[in-house]
Protein backbone atom coordinates (compact mmCIF):
# COMPACT_ATOMS: atom_id res chain seq x y z
CA MET A 1 60.09 113.50 89.76
CA ALA A 2 57.94 110.99 87.92
CA TYR A 3 59.23 107.79 86.39
CA VAL A 4 57.60 105.32 84.01
CA ALA A 5 58.02 101.59 84.35
CA ILE A 6 59.42 99.95 81.21
CA LYS A 7 57.58 96.90 79.94
CA GLY A 8 58.84 94.28 77.54
CA GLY A 9 62.49 95.22 78.01
CA ARG A 10 63.79 91.97 79.47
CA ALA A 11 65.38 90.84 76.22
CA ALA A 12 67.05 94.23 75.76
CA ILE A 13 68.41 94.17 79.34
CA ASP A 14 69.73 90.63 78.88
CA GLY A 15 71.35 91.77 75.66
CA ALA A 16 72.99 94.69 77.43
CA ALA A 17 74.42 92.32 80.04
CA GLU A 18 75.80 90.10 77.26
CA ALA A 19 77.33 93.12 75.57
CA VAL A 20 79.10 94.05 78.82
CA GLU A 21 80.51 90.54 79.11
CA PHE A 22 81.66 90.65 75.50
CA MET A 23 83.50 93.94 76.07
CA ARG A 24 85.00 92.63 79.32
CA ALA A 25 86.31 89.51 77.56
CA GLY A 26 87.85 91.54 74.74
CA SER A 27 86.60 91.96 71.20
CA THR A 28 88.77 89.13 69.84
CA GLY A 29 88.21 86.60 72.63
CA LYS A 30 91.92 85.79 72.60
CA GLU A 31 92.92 87.77 75.69
CA ALA A 32 93.72 85.88 78.92
CA PRO A 33 91.39 86.64 81.83
CA LEU A 34 92.78 89.03 84.45
CA GLN A 35 93.80 87.14 87.59
CA LEU A 36 92.89 88.64 90.93
CA ASP A 37 96.44 88.24 92.25
CA ALA A 38 97.71 90.27 89.30
CA ILE A 39 95.17 93.06 89.92
CA GLU A 40 95.91 93.15 93.64
CA GLN A 41 99.67 93.29 93.22
CA GLN A 42 100.22 95.22 89.99
CA LEU A 43 97.31 97.66 90.30
CA ARG A 44 97.72 98.13 94.04
CA LEU A 45 97.02 101.90 93.98
CA LEU A 46 93.75 101.28 92.12
CA VAL A 47 92.85 98.61 94.68
CA SER A 48 93.70 101.02 97.47
CA ARG A 49 91.34 103.62 96.05
CA VAL A 50 88.47 101.15 95.81
CA ILE A 51 88.85 99.75 99.36
CA SER A 52 89.06 103.29 100.70
CA GLU A 53 85.98 104.58 98.91
CA GLY A 54 84.13 101.31 99.44
CA GLY A 55 84.78 101.46 103.16
CA LEU A 56 85.85 97.84 103.43
CA TYR A 57 89.39 96.56 103.78
CA HIS A 58 89.34 93.48 101.56
CA PRO A 59 91.94 93.77 98.76
CA ARG A 60 90.87 90.56 97.05
CA LEU A 61 87.19 91.53 96.85
CA ALA A 62 88.25 94.98 95.68
CA SER A 63 90.29 93.29 92.94
CA LEU A 64 87.23 91.25 91.98
CA ALA A 65 85.11 94.39 91.86
CA ILE A 66 87.69 96.09 89.62
CA LYS A 67 87.64 93.09 87.28
CA GLN A 68 83.85 92.89 87.22
CA PHE A 69 83.38 96.58 86.44
CA GLN A 70 86.29 96.88 84.06
CA GLY A 71 88.29 99.32 86.17
CA ASP A 72 85.43 101.74 86.99
CA THR A 73 86.41 102.80 90.51
CA LEU A 74 83.00 104.26 91.38
CA GLU A 75 81.12 101.12 90.35
CA ALA A 76 83.71 98.93 92.10
CA ALA A 77 83.44 100.98 95.33
CA PHE A 78 79.66 100.78 95.06
CA ALA A 79 79.77 96.98 94.80
CA LEU A 80 82.25 96.66 97.69
CA ARG A 81 80.13 98.90 99.93
CA ALA A 82 76.98 96.92 99.01
CA TYR A 83 78.79 93.68 99.92
CA ARG A 84 79.87 95.18 103.24
CA SER A 85 76.26 96.02 104.08
CA THR A 86 75.33 92.33 103.92
CA LYS A 87 77.85 91.24 106.57
CA PRO A 88 77.03 91.08 110.28
CA ARG A 89 78.83 93.44 112.67
CA LEU A 90 80.61 91.31 115.28
CA LEU A 91 82.89 93.73 117.16
CA GLU A 92 83.89 97.37 117.34
CA THR A 93 87.50 98.34 117.60
CA PRO A 94 88.80 100.75 120.24
CA PRO A 95 90.79 103.75 118.94
CA GLN A 96 93.85 102.40 117.14
CA ASP A 97 97.39 103.61 117.93
CA THR A 98 98.99 104.62 114.60
CA SER A 99 102.40 104.97 116.27
CA ARG A 100 102.51 101.17 116.06
CA MET A 101 102.24 101.26 112.29
CA ARG A 102 104.71 99.12 110.37
CA CYS A 103 105.75 101.83 107.91
CA ILE A 104 106.70 101.31 104.28
CA ARG A 105 106.91 105.09 103.73
CA ARG A 106 107.25 107.96 106.18
CA ILE A 107 108.22 111.56 105.39
CA SER A 108 107.89 115.07 106.81
CA SER A 109 108.03 118.39 104.96
CA ALA A 110 108.22 120.31 108.24
CA PHE A 111 111.71 119.16 109.19
CA LYS A 112 114.76 117.88 107.32
CA ASP A 113 115.74 115.60 110.17
CA ILE A 114 113.01 113.83 112.11
CA PRO A 115 113.20 111.19 114.87
CA GLY A 116 113.80 107.89 113.10
CA GLY A 117 114.75 109.59 109.85
CA GLN A 118 112.90 110.17 106.56
CA MET A 119 111.87 106.98 104.74
CA LEU A 120 110.99 107.61 101.11
CA GLY A 121 109.55 104.18 100.42
CA PRO A 122 107.51 103.37 97.27
CA THR A 123 106.59 106.66 95.58
CA TYR A 124 106.56 108.36 92.17
CA ASP A 125 107.32 111.77 93.74
CA TYR A 126 110.95 111.78 92.72
CA ALA A 127 110.61 110.22 89.24
CA LEU A 128 110.02 111.91 85.92
CA ARG A 129 106.49 111.59 84.49
CA LEU A 130 107.73 109.97 81.29
CA MET A 131 106.33 106.92 79.56
CA ARG A 132 108.42 103.83 80.10
CA LEU A 133 107.84 102.15 76.78
CA GLU A 134 109.84 99.08 77.76
CA LEU A 135 107.03 98.05 80.12
CA ALA A 136 104.91 97.17 77.09
CA ASP A 137 106.90 93.94 76.60
CA GLU A 138 107.64 92.79 80.17
CA THR A 139 108.14 89.11 80.89
CA PRO A 140 107.73 87.04 84.06
CA GLU A 141 111.51 86.72 84.19
CA HIS A 142 111.80 90.50 84.37
CA PHE A 143 109.39 90.55 87.31
CA ARG A 144 111.40 87.92 89.17
CA ALA A 145 114.63 89.84 88.57
CA ILE A 146 113.08 92.99 90.04
CA SER A 147 112.07 91.11 93.17
CA ARG A 148 115.46 89.49 93.66
CA ARG A 149 117.31 92.78 93.18
CA PHE A 150 115.15 94.69 95.65
CA LEU A 151 115.13 92.05 98.36
CA ALA A 152 118.89 91.60 98.14
CA ALA A 153 119.47 95.32 98.52
CA THR A 154 116.98 95.89 101.34
CA PRO A 155 117.49 93.44 104.24
CA GLU A 156 114.49 93.41 106.53
CA ALA A 157 116.75 93.81 109.56
CA GLN A 158 117.58 97.37 108.46
CA LEU A 159 113.99 98.53 108.89
CA PRO A 160 112.81 99.60 112.36
CA ALA A 161 109.59 98.07 113.64
CA THR A 162 108.00 101.49 114.30
CA PHE A 163 108.79 105.20 114.12
CA PRO A 164 108.17 107.94 116.72
CA LYS A 165 105.55 110.55 115.86
CA VAL A 166 106.74 113.95 114.69
CA LEU A 167 103.86 115.69 116.47
CA ASP A 168 105.02 114.33 119.82
CA ALA A 169 108.20 116.44 119.58
CA LEU A 170 106.15 119.57 118.76
CA ARG A 171 103.70 118.83 121.56
CA ALA A 172 106.58 118.37 124.04
CA GLU A 173 107.73 121.94 123.21
CA GLY A 174 104.25 123.32 123.85
CA LEU A 175 103.78 124.23 120.20
CA LEU A 176 100.66 122.11 119.90
CA PRO A 177 97.62 121.86 122.13
CA PRO A 178 97.48 118.85 124.43
CA VAL A 179 95.58 115.80 123.24
CA ALA A 180 91.94 116.20 124.25
CA GLU A 181 90.47 113.18 125.92
CA SER A 182 87.06 112.44 124.37
CA ARG A 183 84.55 110.22 126.14
CA GLU A 184 82.00 110.37 123.31
CA ALA A 185 81.56 107.30 121.12
CA ALA A 186 82.59 107.74 117.52
CA PHE A 187 79.72 108.63 115.21
CA ASP A 188 78.75 105.70 112.98
CA ILE A 189 77.89 107.11 109.54
CA THR A 190 76.82 103.65 108.31
CA ARG A 191 73.95 103.54 110.84
CA GLU A 192 73.12 107.15 111.56
CA ALA A 193 72.19 109.94 109.20
CA LEU A 194 74.23 113.15 109.28
CA THR A 195 72.39 115.87 111.19
CA PHE A 196 74.21 119.20 111.22
CA PRO A 197 76.12 120.37 113.14
CA VAL A 198 77.97 117.03 113.19
CA PRO A 199 80.73 115.92 115.55
CA ARG A 200 84.24 115.78 114.22
CA SER A 201 84.24 111.98 114.24
CA ALA A 202 81.33 112.03 111.76
CA ALA A 203 83.18 114.43 109.51
CA LEU A 204 86.36 112.36 109.56
CA ALA A 205 84.45 109.16 108.87
CA THR A 206 82.70 110.76 105.92
CA LEU A 207 85.97 112.11 104.50
CA ALA A 208 87.73 108.79 105.02
CA ARG A 209 85.45 106.96 102.55
CA ALA A 210 84.86 109.95 100.27
CA GLU A 211 85.75 109.89 96.58
CA THR A 212 89.38 110.94 96.03
CA GLY A 213 88.70 113.39 93.23
CA SER A 214 85.93 115.14 95.17
CA LEU A 215 88.19 115.60 98.20
CA LEU A 216 91.04 116.86 96.04
CA GLY A 217 88.79 119.31 94.16
CA ILE A 218 87.37 120.95 97.27
CA ALA A 219 90.69 120.93 99.12
CA TYR A 220 92.33 122.47 96.04
CA SER A 221 89.83 125.33 96.15
CA ASN A 222 91.08 126.06 99.68
CA MET A 223 94.70 125.91 98.59
CA ARG A 224 93.93 128.30 95.70
CA GLY A 225 92.60 130.96 98.02
CA TYR A 226 88.94 130.13 98.56
CA GLY A 227 89.93 129.34 102.12
CA ASP A 228 92.59 130.18 104.67
CA ILE A 229 94.44 126.92 105.32
CA HIS A 230 98.09 126.88 104.31
CA PRO A 231 99.38 123.77 106.01
CA THR A 232 102.73 122.02 106.35
CA VAL A 233 102.82 118.23 106.33
CA ALA A 234 104.21 117.38 109.73
CA GLU A 235 104.16 113.68 108.92
CA LEU A 236 102.87 111.45 106.18
CA ARG A 237 102.84 107.71 106.82
CA VAL A 238 101.97 104.69 104.74
CA GLY A 239 102.11 101.32 106.39
CA TYR A 240 100.43 98.37 108.03
CA LEU A 241 98.50 99.16 111.16
CA PRO A 242 97.83 96.39 113.67
CA VAL A 243 94.10 96.03 114.29
CA MET A 244 93.37 95.56 117.98
CA LEU A 245 90.05 93.98 118.98
CA PRO A 246 88.59 93.04 122.33
CA HIS A 247 88.74 89.32 123.06
CA PRO A 248 85.15 87.96 122.97
CA VAL A 249 85.66 86.18 126.29
CA THR A 250 88.23 88.09 128.36
CA GLY A 251 87.64 91.54 126.85
CA GLU A 252 91.41 92.15 126.61
CA THR A 253 92.63 93.71 123.40
CA MET A 254 94.39 91.40 120.99
CA GLU A 255 95.90 91.81 117.54
CA ALA A 256 93.53 90.37 114.93
CA GLY A 257 95.51 91.35 111.85
CA GLU A 258 96.74 94.43 110.08
CA VAL A 259 95.48 96.83 107.41
CA LEU A 260 97.35 99.04 105.00
CA ILE A 261 96.53 102.71 105.67
CA THR A 262 97.78 106.18 104.74
CA GLU A 263 97.90 108.81 107.49
CA CYS A 264 98.64 112.52 107.21
CA GLU A 265 98.99 115.11 109.98
CA VAL A 266 99.27 118.74 108.89
CA VAL A 267 100.21 121.77 110.98
CA ALA A 268 98.48 125.07 110.13
CA MET A 269 98.62 128.66 111.38
CA TYR A 270 98.65 129.19 115.09
CA GLU A 271 95.78 130.62 117.05
CA GLY A 272 94.75 131.21 120.66
CA ASN A 273 94.29 133.92 123.24
CA ALA A 274 95.33 134.65 126.75
CA ALA A 275 92.14 133.19 128.22
CA ASP A 276 92.74 129.82 126.60
CA GLY A 277 96.47 129.71 127.20
CA PRO A 278 99.41 130.50 124.90
CA PRO A 279 98.89 130.34 121.13
CA THR A 280 99.59 127.01 119.45
CA PHE A 281 99.64 125.56 115.99
CA THR A 282 96.40 124.14 114.68
CA LEU A 283 96.12 120.61 113.29
CA GLY A 284 94.40 118.78 110.49
CA TYR A 285 94.15 114.99 110.26
CA GLY A 286 93.59 112.59 107.41
CA ALA A 287 93.65 108.80 107.28
CA CYS A 288 92.23 106.32 104.77
CA LEU A 289 92.47 102.65 103.95
CA GLY A 290 95.11 101.66 101.41
CA HIS A 291 97.93 103.69 99.88
CA ASN A 292 96.42 107.00 98.76
CA GLU A 293 98.54 110.00 99.74
CA THR A 294 96.59 112.58 97.72
CA LYS A 295 93.41 111.59 99.52
CA ALA A 296 95.00 111.66 102.99
CA ILE A 297 96.56 115.09 102.44
CA SER A 298 93.29 116.50 101.00
CA MET A 299 91.39 115.04 103.92
CA ALA A 300 93.75 116.64 106.48
CA ILE A 301 93.39 120.05 104.80
CA LEU A 302 89.58 119.77 104.76
CA ASP A 303 89.55 118.59 108.37
CA ARG A 304 91.35 121.74 109.41
CA ALA A 305 89.12 123.89 107.14
CA LEU A 306 85.95 122.43 108.62
CA GLN A 307 87.19 122.95 112.16
CA LYS A 308 87.85 126.59 111.33
CA GLY A 309 84.51 127.00 109.60
CA MET A 310 82.52 125.58 112.49
CA LYS A 311 84.36 127.86 114.90
CA ASP A 312 84.52 131.14 112.98
CA GLY A 313 81.68 130.67 110.47
CA ALA A 314 82.07 129.31 106.96
CA ALA A 315 83.37 131.97 104.59
CA ASN A 316 84.17 129.55 101.74
CA PRO A 317 82.64 126.32 100.45
CA SER A 318 85.59 124.26 101.72
CA GLU A 319 84.88 125.51 105.27
CA ASP A 320 81.15 124.68 105.19
CA PRO A 321 80.58 121.24 106.75
CA GLU A 322 77.19 120.77 105.11
CA PHE A 323 78.52 121.66 101.66
CA VAL A 324 81.64 119.48 101.97
CA LEU A 325 80.25 116.41 103.70
CA LEU A 326 77.16 116.13 101.49
CA HIS A 327 79.09 116.37 98.22
CA VAL A 328 82.21 114.21 98.56
CA ASP A 329 80.75 110.68 98.62
CA GLY A 330 81.41 109.11 95.26
CA VAL A 331 78.69 106.47 95.53
CA ASP A 332 76.04 109.05 96.40
CA SER A 333 77.21 111.43 93.68
CA MET A 334 77.37 108.71 91.02
CA GLY A 335 73.90 107.45 91.99
CA PHE A 336 72.32 110.88 91.61
CA CYS A 337 74.13 111.52 88.33
CA SER A 338 73.24 108.12 86.92
CA HIS A 339 69.56 108.42 87.81
CA TYR A 340 69.19 110.88 84.95
CA LYS A 341 69.53 107.90 82.64
CA MET A 342 66.23 106.52 83.94
CA PRO A 343 63.06 107.18 81.95
CA HIS A 344 61.82 110.71 82.60
CA TYR A 345 59.08 110.59 79.99
CA VAL A 346 56.34 112.13 82.16
CA THR A 347 58.36 115.11 83.38
CA PHE A 348 59.83 115.82 79.95
CA GLN A 349 56.40 115.62 78.25
CA SER A 350 55.18 118.12 80.84
CA ASP A 351 58.16 120.40 80.08
CA MET A 352 57.42 120.21 76.34
CA ASP A 353 53.74 120.99 76.87
CA ARG A 354 54.59 124.08 78.96
CA LEU A 355 57.19 125.22 76.39
CA ARG A 356 54.70 124.84 73.49
CA THR A 357 52.07 126.75 75.43
CA THR A 358 54.56 129.52 76.25
CA GLN A 359 55.66 129.74 72.59
CA LYS A 360 52.04 129.93 71.45
CA LYS A 361 51.25 132.77 73.87
CA SER A 362 54.42 134.57 72.83
CA LYS A 363 53.40 134.43 69.16
CA GLU A 364 49.86 135.65 70.00
CA ARG A 365 51.28 138.71 71.80
CA VAL A 366 53.38 139.56 68.72
């Protein structure tokens, strides 16, 4: 492709930036600026999506990016990922133990009764999708009343610190394969380019920061029949995971803080043969930063589909690692789509010249 540099456009570009600021401030100039605390708390699912797709757990900076780009999740994730690239890398975490998660939501569709019990937590799953018109005129007093009512009805002492994993019970019965001990270092997609075939760690890392809609669309194709994965959610967790880091002096792991994550483990059809041992269920895994259950479930389905495709050969797009992993990153996709807005004068002039020549020759033949 050929591009043409634009000259004399500085004033127009400055004007475009001013127009953006004008639209962000509101056409009347009477609106109060959005506060970052309000964005972080009241638009928490939007913030979760941006930190997940941006690949950086920093809710406040994600709130700032949402404010700056007027709610455009792709642009906000782009800005957050660009900010992350400027920061030095100090330490690498060992594999984190999600059984230590401080859950705010934990359910299973595989069993009615699970160890520790079902914990519905904050979700819209059981509410009608009807507009609540009374929210248009909320007051700070209403907010405070909501907080007082919830905290009074939910004493913290009633909540267990952690929950056992549902998969442990299935594994104890021999219905799941044993946990494979891997000595390979996790693939770092921020420093190494994907070269196919890729290890599973590279696929999971790519899916973890993929755009939610892209994951859902490809996973949905599998659910609709362009694939063979019909999973059951063994466990879906949302909660705060302690982040363990090696001490810079002693090397012992220590808790440096916690991050909000969503984790999904799905069980799919069993497979196996006599040579490998008795048949067992197959597994798919999904985990992402923030509270985003649709993304975690879609990721788990695609993880299982990609494992099947790499083993048996890809029969559908959702089972093809190269197709999936190269088309789910929102920042990459947005960048390629947006580049069509750049000047393509040379290539289009060439296309017009060829078309005119072809039309002329067509008329001469007639």
